[in-house]
Amino acid sequence: MLRRLVVLALCLVPLAASAQTAPVPASPPANPKVAIETSAGPMVVEVYLDKAPISARNFLRYVDAKRLDGVVFYRTVRPAEKFGFVQFGIQNAPAKMFPPIKHEPTTETGIKHLDGTLSLPRLAPGTARGEFTIMVGDQPSFDADPSKPGDNLGYAAFGRVIEGKDVLLKILDAPTSPTKTLSGSFKGEVPEVPVKIVSARRIAG
């Protein structure tokens, strides 16, 4: 009888210990990644849904609706070697537009405009839609700066190129026309032969 009680007690010890073990918290879901296939080669971007949910969801909405398929990198600005930015998007095509979104300044998200960062160009805060900019080189001038007068909210950064930086440089280095403009703007910044986005799709992992 005594032996049976001892055995039973030993069996209960692991159960009691396991009952006191705190549950392991679940890991936060990984940020979405998007594969962008261009006529100059592939890139992969990570979209910071955790830090800039409004801006990130806006980009993913255009991706998921396939509204970036066929658009071009219509502007490249290169003031120095391996430094500047490129811009792509729907070019305000009415059939592709989603409503404008609330502005998320870098002072709220903590995402700085570093090399490879994706961001939302805009006019007034809250007007950004389906145009996107990718930084080549660190560009703090695009960050919000409350110490400056006037509109000091900068652009809304929301992601970063994690694969295909060589492709990004190809796009930046493509020859631009000295005379072409887009509706009278961006003279000297319009590519002679724009790089096209063949497809933009979410990928696993």
Protein backbone atom coordinates (compact mmCIF):
# COMPACT_ATOMS: atom_id res chain seq x y z
CA MET A 1 0.00 0.00 0.00
CA LEU A 2 2.79 2.39 1.00
CA ARG A 3 4.62 1.66 -2.26
CA ARG A 4 1.49 2.51 -4.28
CA LEU A 5 1.15 5.85 -2.48
CA VAL A 6 4.80 6.72 -3.17
CA VAL A 7 4.44 5.90 -6.87
CA LEU A 8 1.25 7.99 -7.08
CA ALA A 9 2.98 10.93 -5.41
CA LEU A 10 5.88 10.77 -7.84
CA CYS A 11 3.47 10.77 -10.77
CA LEU A 12 1.75 13.90 -9.47
CA VAL A 13 5.01 15.91 -9.10
CA PRO A 14 5.54 16.47 -12.87
CA LEU A 15 1.86 17.40 -13.28
CA ALA A 16 2.11 20.01 -10.56
CA ALA A 17 5.33 21.40 -12.02
CA SER A 18 3.83 21.64 -15.50
CA ALA A 19 0.75 23.39 -14.14
CA GLN A 20 2.97 26.11 -12.65
CA THR A 21 4.92 26.67 -15.88
CA ALA A 22 3.97 29.98 -17.52
CA PRO A 23 2.72 29.68 -21.11
CA VAL A 24 5.23 30.74 -23.75
CA PRO A 25 3.96 33.90 -25.48
CA ALA A 26 3.28 33.54 -29.19
CA SER A 27 5.75 35.23 -31.51
CA PRO A 28 4.33 38.23 -33.36
CA PRO A 29 3.51 37.49 -36.99
CA ALA A 30 6.26 38.29 -39.45
CA ASN A 31 5.88 41.40 -41.57
CA PRO A 32 4.63 40.76 -45.12
CA LYS A 33 7.14 40.51 -47.95
CA VAL A 34 6.43 41.46 -51.56
CA ALA A 35 8.32 40.24 -54.61
CA ILE A 36 8.54 42.93 -57.28
CA GLU A 37 9.48 41.58 -60.70
CA THR A 38 10.75 44.37 -62.94
CA SER A 39 12.10 44.54 -66.47
CA ALA A 40 15.50 45.22 -64.85
CA GLY A 41 15.32 42.22 -62.49
CA PRO A 42 13.67 41.15 -59.20
CA MET A 43 13.48 42.88 -55.85
CA VAL A 44 11.94 41.83 -52.53
CA VAL A 45 10.62 44.35 -50.03
CA GLU A 46 9.58 43.92 -46.41
CA VAL A 47 6.49 45.93 -45.50
CA TYR A 48 6.48 47.23 -41.91
CA LEU A 49 2.88 46.45 -41.04
CA ASP A 50 3.84 46.46 -37.37
CA LYS A 51 5.24 50.01 -37.31
CA ALA A 52 3.35 51.85 -40.08
CA PRO A 53 0.04 49.96 -40.43
CA ILE A 54 -1.86 52.60 -42.41
CA SER A 55 0.87 53.21 -45.00
CA ALA A 56 1.76 49.51 -45.20
CA ARG A 57 -1.84 48.43 -45.73
CA ASN A 58 -2.18 51.05 -48.45
CA PHE A 59 0.78 49.59 -50.37
CA LEU A 60 -0.45 46.03 -49.86
CA ARG A 61 -3.88 47.04 -51.13
CA TYR A 62 -2.37 48.11 -54.46
CA VAL A 63 -0.29 44.92 -54.55
CA ASP A 64 -3.22 42.60 -53.76
CA ALA A 65 -5.45 44.31 -56.33
CA LYS A 66 -2.63 43.90 -58.91
CA ARG A 67 -2.76 47.62 -59.61
CA LEU A 68 1.02 47.90 -59.69
CA ASP A 69 1.33 45.35 -62.50
CA GLY A 70 2.47 47.20 -65.61
CA VAL A 71 3.32 50.53 -63.92
CA VAL A 72 6.74 52.07 -64.48
CA PHE A 73 9.51 53.80 -62.57
CA TYR A 74 8.71 57.18 -64.05
CA ARG A 75 11.13 59.36 -62.09
CA THR A 76 14.76 58.99 -61.04
CA VAL A 77 16.69 61.62 -59.10
CA ARG A 78 20.46 61.05 -58.82
CA PRO A 79 22.40 64.03 -57.45
CA ALA A 80 25.41 61.80 -56.75
CA GLU A 81 26.65 58.30 -57.51
CA LYS A 82 24.62 55.65 -55.66
CA PHE A 83 22.54 58.40 -54.06
CA GLY A 84 19.04 59.69 -54.79
CA PHE A 85 15.64 58.11 -55.18
CA VAL A 86 13.35 56.45 -57.71
CA GLN A 87 9.59 56.78 -57.97
CA PHE A 88 6.91 54.47 -59.33
CA GLY A 89 3.17 54.10 -59.14
CA ILE A 90 -0.18 54.50 -60.81
CA GLN A 91 0.52 58.12 -61.86
CA ASN A 92 -2.90 59.15 -60.57
CA ALA A 93 -4.77 56.97 -63.07
CA PRO A 94 -8.41 57.31 -61.95
CA ALA A 95 -9.25 53.65 -62.60
CA LYS A 96 -6.43 52.49 -60.31
CA MET A 97 -6.79 54.95 -57.42
CA PHE A 98 -7.81 54.04 -53.92
CA PRO A 99 -8.80 56.84 -51.50
CA PRO A 100 -6.02 58.89 -49.90
CA ILE A 101 -4.80 57.83 -46.48
CA LYS A 102 -3.90 59.42 -43.16
CA HIS A 103 -0.27 60.51 -42.95
CA GLU A 104 2.08 58.55 -40.65
CA PRO A 105 5.15 60.71 -39.95
CA THR A 106 8.47 59.14 -39.04
CA THR A 107 8.22 60.70 -35.56
CA GLU A 108 5.30 58.32 -34.91
CA THR A 109 6.53 55.18 -36.69
CA GLY A 110 10.24 55.41 -35.93
CA ILE A 111 11.06 54.30 -39.50
CA LYS A 112 13.81 56.50 -40.91
CA HIS A 113 14.51 57.14 -44.58
CA LEU A 114 17.60 54.95 -44.81
CA ASP A 115 19.05 53.26 -47.88
CA GLY A 116 16.39 51.12 -49.58
CA THR A 117 13.44 52.55 -47.63
CA LEU A 118 10.04 52.67 -49.32
CA SER A 119 8.01 55.78 -48.70
CA LEU A 120 4.88 57.64 -49.79
CA PRO A 121 5.35 60.89 -51.72
CA ARG A 122 2.57 63.40 -51.15
CA LEU A 123 1.38 66.96 -51.49
CA ALA A 124 -0.38 68.02 -48.28
CA PRO A 125 -0.40 65.51 -45.40
CA GLY A 126 -3.20 63.02 -45.96
CA THR A 127 -3.11 63.11 -49.77
CA ALA A 128 -0.90 60.07 -50.46
CA ARG A 129 -2.41 57.35 -52.66
CA GLY A 130 -0.65 55.05 -55.12
CA GLU A 131 2.74 56.66 -55.76
CA PHE A 132 5.82 55.22 -54.07
CA THR A 133 9.44 56.27 -53.61
CA ILE A 134 12.52 54.15 -52.85
CA MET A 135 15.56 55.77 -51.27
CA VAL A 136 19.08 55.08 -52.54
CA GLY A 137 21.37 56.12 -49.71
CA ASP A 138 20.28 57.53 -46.35
CA GLN A 139 17.96 60.53 -46.77
CA PRO A 140 17.11 62.19 -43.44
CA SER A 141 15.64 65.18 -45.28
CA PHE A 142 12.55 63.03 -45.96
CA ASP A 143 12.01 62.42 -42.23
CA ALA A 144 9.63 64.50 -40.16
CA ASP A 145 11.38 67.34 -38.31
CA PRO A 146 9.25 69.21 -35.74
CA SER A 147 12.00 71.82 -35.37
CA LYS A 148 11.34 73.13 -38.87
CA PRO A 149 8.62 75.67 -39.72
CA GLY A 150 5.57 74.97 -41.87
CA ASP A 151 4.84 71.48 -43.17
CA ASN A 152 7.54 69.55 -41.35
CA LEU A 153 5.92 66.09 -41.35
CA GLY A 154 8.09 64.58 -44.10
CA TYR A 155 7.11 61.47 -46.06
CA ALA A 156 5.62 58.30 -44.57
CA ALA A 157 8.18 55.48 -44.62
CA PHE A 158 6.69 51.99 -44.49
CA GLY A 159 9.09 49.34 -45.83
CA ARG A 160 12.53 48.50 -47.16
CA VAL A 161 14.17 46.64 -50.03
CA ILE A 162 15.76 43.51 -48.53
CA GLU A 163 16.79 41.80 -51.78
CA GLY A 164 17.73 43.20 -55.18
CA LYS A 165 19.67 46.35 -54.26
CA ASP A 166 21.62 45.85 -57.50
CA VAL A 167 18.35 46.15 -59.43
CA LEU A 168 17.49 49.33 -57.54
CA LEU A 169 20.83 50.81 -58.62
CA LYS A 170 20.16 49.80 -62.23
CA ILE A 171 16.89 51.72 -62.11
CA LEU A 172 18.59 54.77 -60.58
CA ASP A 173 21.42 54.70 -63.13
CA ALA A 174 19.20 54.35 -66.22
CA PRO A 175 19.64 57.31 -68.62
CA THR A 176 17.18 60.17 -68.24
CA SER A 177 15.94 62.52 -70.91
CA PRO A 178 17.09 66.15 -70.79
CA THR A 179 13.79 67.33 -72.26
CA LYS A 180 11.00 64.94 -71.23
CA THR A 181 8.56 65.96 -68.51
CA LEU A 182 5.47 64.54 -66.84
CA SER A 183 2.71 67.12 -67.20
CA GLY A 184 5.38 69.81 -67.22
CA SER A 185 7.21 68.51 -64.13
CA PHE A 186 10.38 66.50 -63.42
CA LYS A 187 12.41 67.81 -66.37
CA GLY A 188 15.72 65.94 -66.49
CA GLU A 189 14.37 63.23 -64.17
CA VAL A 190 12.23 61.20 -66.57
CA PRO A 191 13.91 57.99 -67.79
CA GLU A 192 14.48 57.59 -71.51
CA VAL A 193 13.21 53.99 -71.28
CA PRO A 194 11.29 53.51 -68.00
CA VAL A 195 11.76 50.25 -66.11
CA LYS A 196 8.45 48.42 -65.87
CA ILE A 197 7.00 46.47 -62.95
CA VAL A 198 5.89 43.18 -64.45
CA SER A 199 4.24 41.96 -61.24
CA ALA A 200 4.13 42.65 -57.50
CA ARG A 201 2.98 39.78 -55.27
CA ARG A 202 3.08 38.85 -51.61
CA ILE A 203 5.37 35.93 -50.83
CA ALA A 204 5.61 33.57 -47.88
CA GLY A 205 8.41 33.78 -45.36
